[in-house]
């Protein structure tokens, strides 16, 4: 079964846990990259804050990787 994850600043992503998403609070670019690398293969969609998307960079465009969505600011 596929899952949804959210990565970014805690106050911005914490509410996604109520919808059943895996939440990875990350306040620094290094924490974001660590969370991205730690995502299980069952994650099909990742919601990112703008800062998290910037930290992940081109890695979010890999073929067969999870679909990413960037939260509006």
N, C-alpha and C. Protein backbone atom coordinates (compact mmCIF):
# COMPACT_ATOMS: atom_id res chain seq x y z
N UNK A 1 0.84 -1.17 0.00
CA UNK A 1 0.00 0.00 0.00
C UNK A 1 0.89 1.24 0.00
N UNK A 2 0.55 2.21 -0.82
CA UNK A 2 1.33 3.44 -0.92
C UNK A 2 0.99 4.41 0.19
N UNK A 3 1.99 5.22 0.54
CA UNK A 3 1.82 6.18 1.62
C UNK A 3 2.15 7.58 1.14
N UNK A 4 1.73 8.56 1.94
CA UNK A 4 2.04 9.96 1.71
C UNK A 4 2.95 10.41 2.85
N UNK A 5 3.94 11.26 2.52
CA UNK A 5 4.83 11.82 3.52
C UNK A 5 4.87 13.33 3.37
N UNK A 6 5.24 14.01 4.43
CA UNK A 6 5.41 15.46 4.40
C UNK A 6 6.74 15.78 5.07
N UNK A 7 7.53 16.64 4.40
CA UNK A 7 8.85 17.02 4.92
C UNK A 7 8.92 18.54 4.94
N UNK A 8 9.37 19.08 6.07
CA UNK A 8 9.58 20.52 6.17
C UNK A 8 9.52 20.98 7.62
N UNK A 9 9.46 22.27 7.78
CA UNK A 9 9.40 22.86 9.13
C UNK A 9 8.21 22.28 9.89
N UNK A 10 8.47 21.87 11.13
CA UNK A 10 7.46 21.20 11.95
C UNK A 10 6.09 21.87 11.98
N UNK A 11 6.02 23.19 12.23
CA UNK A 11 4.71 23.83 12.30
C UNK A 11 3.93 23.78 10.97
N UNK A 12 4.65 23.65 9.86
CA UNK A 12 3.99 23.63 8.56
C UNK A 12 3.52 22.25 8.14
N UNK A 13 4.17 21.21 8.63
CA UNK A 13 3.82 19.86 8.18
C UNK A 13 3.13 19.00 9.24
N UNK A 14 3.14 19.43 10.49
CA UNK A 14 2.62 18.58 11.57
C UNK A 14 1.16 18.19 11.40
N UNK A 15 0.35 19.03 10.82
CA UNK A 15 -1.07 18.72 10.65
C UNK A 15 -1.34 17.58 9.69
N UNK A 16 -0.40 17.27 8.82
CA UNK A 16 -0.61 16.19 7.86
C UNK A 16 -0.71 14.83 8.52
N UNK A 17 -0.23 14.71 9.75
CA UNK A 17 -0.36 13.45 10.47
C UNK A 17 -1.84 13.11 10.69
N UNK A 18 -2.67 14.12 10.79
CA UNK A 18 -4.11 13.88 10.97
C UNK A 18 -4.75 13.22 9.75
N UNK A 19 -4.12 13.38 8.60
CA UNK A 19 -4.62 12.77 7.37
C UNK A 19 -3.95 11.42 7.10
N UNK A 20 -3.09 10.99 8.02
CA UNK A 20 -2.45 9.69 7.88
C UNK A 20 -1.09 9.73 7.21
N UNK A 21 -0.55 10.91 6.97
CA UNK A 21 0.76 11.01 6.33
C UNK A 21 1.87 10.74 7.34
N UNK A 22 2.98 10.27 6.83
CA UNK A 22 4.21 10.18 7.62
C UNK A 22 4.78 11.59 7.64
N UNK A 23 5.08 12.11 8.79
CA UNK A 23 5.56 13.49 8.91
C UNK A 23 7.02 13.47 9.36
N UNK A 24 7.83 14.20 8.62
CA UNK A 24 9.25 14.32 8.92
C UNK A 24 9.58 15.80 9.16
N UNK A 25 9.49 16.27 10.41
CA UNK A 25 9.85 17.66 10.68
C UNK A 25 11.34 17.86 10.42
N UNK A 26 11.66 18.89 9.66
CA UNK A 26 13.05 19.16 9.31
C UNK A 26 13.22 20.66 9.16
N UNK A 27 14.10 21.22 9.98
CA UNK A 27 14.28 22.67 9.99
C UNK A 27 15.51 23.15 9.23
N UNK A 28 16.43 22.25 8.93
CA UNK A 28 17.64 22.65 8.21
C UNK A 28 17.72 21.85 6.91
N UNK A 29 18.47 22.37 5.93
CA UNK A 29 18.63 21.60 4.69
C UNK A 29 19.20 20.21 4.92
N UNK A 30 20.11 20.07 5.86
CA UNK A 30 20.68 18.74 6.14
C UNK A 30 19.62 17.80 6.70
N UNK A 31 18.77 18.28 7.60
CA UNK A 31 17.68 17.46 8.13
C UNK A 31 16.71 17.05 7.02
N UNK A 32 16.45 17.95 6.09
CA UNK A 32 15.57 17.64 4.96
C UNK A 32 16.18 16.53 4.12
N UNK A 33 17.46 16.66 3.78
CA UNK A 33 18.12 15.64 2.96
C UNK A 33 18.13 14.29 3.68
N UNK A 34 18.36 14.29 4.99
CA UNK A 34 18.34 13.03 5.74
C UNK A 34 16.95 12.40 5.72
N UNK A 35 15.91 13.23 5.88
CA UNK A 35 14.54 12.71 5.84
C UNK A 35 14.23 12.15 4.45
N UNK A 36 14.67 12.84 3.42
CA UNK A 36 14.43 12.39 2.04
C UNK A 36 15.07 11.02 1.80
N UNK A 37 16.30 10.87 2.24
CA UNK A 37 17.01 9.61 2.06
C UNK A 37 16.36 8.49 2.86
N UNK A 38 15.77 8.82 4.01
CA UNK A 38 15.18 7.82 4.89
C UNK A 38 13.77 7.40 4.48
N UNK A 39 13.20 8.03 3.46
CA UNK A 39 11.82 7.68 3.08
C UNK A 39 11.74 6.21 2.69
N UNK A 40 10.76 5.51 3.21
CA UNK A 40 10.60 4.11 2.81
C UNK A 40 10.07 4.02 1.37
N UNK A 41 10.30 2.91 0.74
CA UNK A 41 9.86 2.73 -0.64
C UNK A 41 8.35 2.73 -0.79
N UNK A 42 7.63 2.60 0.31
CA UNK A 42 6.17 2.61 0.25
C UNK A 42 5.61 4.02 0.06
N UNK A 43 6.44 5.04 0.20
CA UNK A 43 5.97 6.43 0.03
C UNK A 43 5.88 6.74 -1.45
N UNK A 44 4.69 7.10 -1.90
CA UNK A 44 4.45 7.42 -3.30
C UNK A 44 4.31 8.91 -3.56
N UNK A 45 3.92 9.68 -2.53
CA UNK A 45 3.74 11.12 -2.67
C UNK A 45 4.41 11.80 -1.48
N UNK A 46 5.18 12.87 -1.79
CA UNK A 46 5.85 13.63 -0.73
C UNK A 46 5.43 15.09 -0.85
N UNK A 47 4.89 15.62 0.23
CA UNK A 47 4.54 17.03 0.31
C UNK A 47 5.74 17.74 0.92
N UNK A 48 6.22 18.77 0.25
CA UNK A 48 7.40 19.50 0.70
C UNK A 48 7.07 20.97 0.90
N UNK A 49 7.65 21.56 1.92
CA UNK A 49 7.60 23.02 2.03
C UNK A 49 8.54 23.56 0.95
N UNK A 50 8.44 24.84 0.65
CA UNK A 50 9.33 25.42 -0.37
C UNK A 50 10.79 25.26 0.02
N UNK A 51 11.10 25.51 1.29
CA UNK A 51 12.49 25.36 1.74
C UNK A 51 12.96 23.91 1.62
N UNK A 52 12.09 22.95 1.91
CA UNK A 52 12.46 21.54 1.79
C UNK A 52 12.67 21.18 0.32
N UNK A 53 11.83 21.68 -0.56
CA UNK A 53 12.00 21.42 -1.99
C UNK A 53 13.33 21.96 -2.48
N UNK A 54 13.70 23.14 -2.01
CA UNK A 54 14.99 23.72 -2.38
C UNK A 54 16.14 22.85 -1.88
N UNK A 55 16.01 22.30 -0.68
CA UNK A 55 17.07 21.47 -0.11
C UNK A 55 17.21 20.14 -0.84
N UNK A 56 16.09 19.56 -1.25
CA UNK A 56 16.13 18.28 -1.97
C UNK A 56 16.65 18.50 -3.39
N UNK A 57 16.30 19.63 -3.98
CA UNK A 57 16.79 19.97 -5.31
C UNK A 57 16.36 18.99 -6.38
N UNK A 58 17.27 18.69 -7.27
CA UNK A 58 16.97 17.82 -8.42
C UNK A 58 16.70 16.38 -8.02
N UNK A 59 17.06 15.98 -6.82
CA UNK A 59 16.80 14.60 -6.38
C UNK A 59 15.33 14.26 -6.40
N UNK A 60 14.46 15.27 -6.33
CA UNK A 60 13.03 14.96 -6.34
C UNK A 60 12.50 14.66 -7.74
N UNK A 61 13.35 14.75 -8.74
CA UNK A 61 12.93 14.51 -10.12
C UNK A 61 13.43 13.17 -10.67
N UNK A 62 13.92 12.31 -9.80
CA UNK A 62 14.46 11.04 -10.28
C UNK A 62 13.34 10.16 -10.83
N UNK A 63 13.63 9.44 -11.92
CA UNK A 63 12.62 8.51 -12.46
C UNK A 63 12.28 7.45 -11.41
N UNK A 64 11.04 7.10 -11.36
CA UNK A 64 10.52 6.08 -10.44
C UNK A 64 10.57 6.51 -8.98
N UNK A 65 10.89 7.76 -8.73
CA UNK A 65 10.86 8.28 -7.38
C UNK A 65 9.45 8.70 -7.02
N UNK A 66 9.24 9.12 -5.80
CA UNK A 66 7.90 9.55 -5.39
C UNK A 66 7.50 10.86 -6.09
N UNK A 67 6.23 11.03 -6.28
CA UNK A 67 5.68 12.28 -6.79
C UNK A 67 5.84 13.32 -5.70
N UNK A 68 6.29 14.51 -6.06
CA UNK A 68 6.44 15.55 -5.06
C UNK A 68 5.49 16.70 -5.34
N UNK A 69 5.03 17.30 -4.26
CA UNK A 69 4.15 18.45 -4.31
C UNK A 69 4.74 19.50 -3.38
N UNK A 70 4.87 20.73 -3.88
CA UNK A 70 5.43 21.81 -3.07
C UNK A 70 4.29 22.67 -2.55
N UNK A 71 4.28 22.86 -1.23
CA UNK A 71 3.25 23.70 -0.59
C UNK A 71 3.41 25.15 -1.04
N UNK A 72 2.32 25.84 -1.30
CA UNK A 72 2.45 27.26 -1.61
C UNK A 72 2.89 28.03 -0.36
N UNK A 73 3.57 29.12 -0.58
CA UNK A 73 4.04 29.92 0.55
C UNK A 73 2.94 30.82 1.06
